[in-house]
Amino acid sequence: MYPNYTVRYVEAPTTLKEFIKGLGRDCLYAYDMRAIGVLVNNRRLWPSARLKPGDKVIVFPIILGG
């Protein structure tokens, strides 16, 4: 259910949340539950951050324990 380590590049202007939504419902759910981490150009950004074409987005799972 949770995505593997992924590197993608932004093709069109969008927000971070919309970009993650485009990766699939499972990815968006994991992002909302804070089960994955997202870096844009090696920085953490707010979901409302504007992304530009060519920005590098890294999605990685966060190890959870209980």
N, C-alpha and C. Protein backbone atom coordinates (compact mmCIF):
# COMPACT_ATOMS: atom_id res chain seq x y z
N MET A 1 0.83 -1.19 0.00
CA MET A 1 0.00 0.00 0.00
C MET A 1 0.87 1.25 0.00
N TYR A 2 1.96 1.26 0.75
CA TYR A 2 2.79 2.45 0.80
C TYR A 2 3.81 2.41 -0.33
N PRO A 3 4.04 3.54 -0.97
CA PRO A 3 4.96 3.55 -2.11
C PRO A 3 6.41 3.33 -1.68
N ASN A 4 7.18 2.78 -2.58
CA ASN A 4 8.61 2.61 -2.37
C ASN A 4 9.30 3.95 -2.59
N TYR A 5 10.60 3.97 -2.34
CA TYR A 5 11.40 5.16 -2.61
C TYR A 5 11.23 5.52 -4.09
N THR A 6 10.83 6.75 -4.35
CA THR A 6 10.54 7.19 -5.71
C THR A 6 11.11 8.58 -5.95
N VAL A 7 11.68 8.78 -7.11
CA VAL A 7 12.15 10.11 -7.52
C VAL A 7 11.39 10.49 -8.78
N ARG A 8 10.72 11.62 -8.74
CA ARG A 8 9.95 12.12 -9.89
C ARG A 8 10.33 13.57 -10.15
N TYR A 9 10.07 14.03 -11.36
CA TYR A 9 10.31 15.42 -11.71
C TYR A 9 8.99 16.05 -12.13
N VAL A 10 8.77 17.28 -11.70
CA VAL A 10 7.54 18.01 -11.99
C VAL A 10 7.56 18.41 -13.47
N GLU A 11 6.45 18.16 -14.15
CA GLU A 11 6.35 18.49 -15.57
C GLU A 11 5.55 19.76 -15.82
N ALA A 12 4.60 20.08 -14.94
CA ALA A 12 3.77 21.28 -15.10
C ALA A 12 3.60 21.94 -13.73
N PRO A 13 3.41 23.26 -13.70
CA PRO A 13 3.21 23.94 -12.41
C PRO A 13 2.02 23.35 -11.64
N THR A 14 2.21 23.14 -10.35
CA THR A 14 1.18 22.54 -9.51
C THR A 14 1.54 22.79 -8.05
N THR A 15 0.67 22.36 -7.15
CA THR A 15 1.01 22.39 -5.73
C THR A 15 1.53 21.02 -5.33
N LEU A 16 2.20 20.95 -4.20
CA LEU A 16 2.75 19.68 -3.74
C LEU A 16 1.63 18.67 -3.51
N LYS A 17 0.54 19.08 -2.89
CA LYS A 17 -0.58 18.17 -2.60
C LYS A 17 -1.17 17.62 -3.90
N GLU A 18 -1.34 18.46 -4.90
CA GLU A 18 -1.88 18.02 -6.19
C GLU A 18 -0.92 17.06 -6.88
N PHE A 19 0.37 17.31 -6.76
CA PHE A 19 1.37 16.43 -7.36
C PHE A 19 1.29 15.04 -6.74
N ILE A 20 1.19 14.99 -5.41
CA ILE A 20 1.09 13.70 -4.71
C ILE A 20 -0.22 13.01 -5.07
N LYS A 21 -1.28 13.78 -5.20
CA LYS A 21 -2.57 13.22 -5.60
C LYS A 21 -2.46 12.54 -6.97
N GLY A 22 -1.64 13.10 -7.84
CA GLY A 22 -1.43 12.52 -9.16
C GLY A 22 -0.66 11.21 -9.14
N LEU A 23 0.00 10.90 -8.03
CA LEU A 23 0.72 9.64 -7.90
C LEU A 23 -0.20 8.49 -7.52
N GLY A 24 -1.43 8.79 -7.13
CA GLY A 24 -2.40 7.74 -6.80
C GLY A 24 -3.04 7.95 -5.44
N ARG A 25 -4.21 7.32 -5.27
CA ARG A 25 -4.95 7.47 -4.01
C ARG A 25 -4.19 6.92 -2.82
N ASP A 26 -3.49 5.79 -3.02
CA ASP A 26 -2.74 5.19 -1.91
C ASP A 26 -1.63 6.13 -1.44
N CYS A 27 -0.98 6.77 -2.38
CA CYS A 27 0.11 7.69 -2.05
C CYS A 27 -0.44 8.91 -1.31
N LEU A 28 -1.56 9.45 -1.76
CA LEU A 28 -2.18 10.60 -1.10
C LEU A 28 -2.62 10.23 0.32
N TYR A 29 -3.21 9.05 0.49
CA TYR A 29 -3.64 8.60 1.82
C TYR A 29 -2.43 8.47 2.75
N ALA A 30 -1.36 7.85 2.26
CA ALA A 30 -0.15 7.68 3.06
C ALA A 30 0.44 9.04 3.43
N TYR A 31 0.39 10.00 2.52
CA TYR A 31 0.89 11.35 2.80
C TYR A 31 0.06 12.02 3.88
N ASP A 32 -1.26 11.91 3.77
CA ASP A 32 -2.14 12.51 4.78
C ASP A 32 -1.97 11.87 6.15
N MET A 33 -1.66 10.58 6.19
CA MET A 33 -1.44 9.87 7.46
C MET A 33 0.00 9.99 7.95
N ARG A 34 0.82 10.74 7.24
CA ARG A 34 2.23 10.96 7.56
C ARG A 34 3.04 9.67 7.61
N ALA A 35 2.70 8.73 6.72
CA ALA A 35 3.41 7.47 6.64
C ALA A 35 4.50 7.50 5.57
N ILE A 36 4.52 8.59 4.77
CA ILE A 36 5.59 8.78 3.79
C ILE A 36 6.15 10.18 3.97
N GLY A 37 7.40 10.33 3.60
CA GLY A 37 8.04 11.63 3.61
C GLY A 37 8.19 12.13 2.18
N VAL A 38 8.18 13.43 2.01
CA VAL A 38 8.32 14.01 0.68
C VAL A 38 9.31 15.16 0.76
N LEU A 39 10.30 15.13 -0.10
CA LEU A 39 11.28 16.20 -0.22
C LEU A 39 11.19 16.80 -1.61
N VAL A 40 11.22 18.12 -1.69
CA VAL A 40 11.25 18.81 -2.98
C VAL A 40 12.57 19.56 -3.04
N ASN A 41 13.40 19.19 -4.00
CA ASN A 41 14.74 19.78 -4.11
C ASN A 41 15.48 19.69 -2.78
N ASN A 42 15.35 18.51 -2.13
CA ASN A 42 16.01 18.21 -0.84
C ASN A 42 15.53 19.07 0.32
N ARG A 43 14.30 19.58 0.25
CA ARG A 43 13.70 20.37 1.35
C ARG A 43 12.28 19.90 1.58
N ARG A 44 11.86 19.95 2.85
CA ARG A 44 10.45 19.68 3.16
C ARG A 44 9.66 20.95 2.92
N LEU A 45 8.50 20.82 2.30
CA LEU A 45 7.65 21.97 2.01
C LEU A 45 6.22 21.71 2.48
N TRP A 46 5.46 22.79 2.62
CA TRP A 46 4.05 22.69 2.97
C TRP A 46 3.28 22.08 1.80
N PRO A 47 2.12 21.44 2.07
CA PRO A 47 1.32 20.87 0.98
C PRO A 47 0.86 21.93 -0.04
N SER A 48 0.75 23.17 0.38
CA SER A 48 0.29 24.23 -0.52
C SER A 48 1.43 24.86 -1.32
N ALA A 49 2.66 24.38 -1.15
CA ALA A 49 3.81 24.96 -1.85
C ALA A 49 3.65 24.79 -3.36
N ARG A 50 4.03 25.82 -4.09
CA ARG A 50 3.95 25.79 -5.56
C ARG A 50 5.20 25.12 -6.11
N LEU A 51 5.00 24.15 -6.99
CA LEU A 51 6.11 23.46 -7.64
C LEU A 51 6.25 23.95 -9.07
N LYS A 52 7.48 24.02 -9.53
CA LYS A 52 7.76 24.48 -10.90
C LYS A 52 8.25 23.29 -11.73
N PRO A 53 8.10 23.38 -13.04
CA PRO A 53 8.64 22.31 -13.90
C PRO A 53 10.13 22.13 -13.65
N GLY A 54 10.54 20.87 -13.55
CA GLY A 54 11.94 20.55 -13.31
C GLY A 54 12.28 20.32 -11.85
N ASP A 55 11.37 20.65 -10.92
CA ASP A 55 11.63 20.38 -9.50
C ASP A 55 11.71 18.88 -9.28
N LYS A 56 12.63 18.46 -8.42
CA LYS A 56 12.85 17.05 -8.10
C LYS A 56 12.08 16.71 -6.83
N VAL A 57 11.19 15.73 -6.92
CA VAL A 57 10.36 15.31 -5.78
C VAL A 57 10.75 13.89 -5.40
N ILE A 58 11.13 13.71 -4.14
CA ILE A 58 11.50 12.40 -3.62
C ILE A 58 10.43 11.97 -2.62
N VAL A 59 9.88 10.78 -2.83
CA VAL A 59 8.87 10.20 -1.94
C VAL A 59 9.50 8.96 -1.31
N PHE A 60 9.44 8.88 0.02
CA PHE A 60 10.06 7.74 0.70
C PHE A 60 9.20 7.31 1.88
N PRO A 61 9.16 6.00 2.18
CA PRO A 61 8.37 5.52 3.31
C PRO A 61 9.06 5.86 4.63
N ILE A 62 8.25 6.14 5.63
CA ILE A 62 8.76 6.40 6.98
C ILE A 62 8.50 5.14 7.79
N ILE A 63 9.51 4.69 8.51
CA ILE A 63 9.38 3.48 9.32
C ILE A 63 8.55 3.81 10.56
N LEU A 64 7.47 3.09 10.73
CA LEU A 64 6.58 3.30 11.88
C LEU A 64 6.67 2.12 12.82
N GLY A 65 6.51 2.37 14.06
CA GLY A 65 6.51 1.30 15.06
C GLY A 65 5.41 1.51 16.07
N GLY A 66 5.15 0.52 16.82
CA GLY A 66 4.07 0.68 17.77
C GLY A 66 4.28 -0.09 19.04
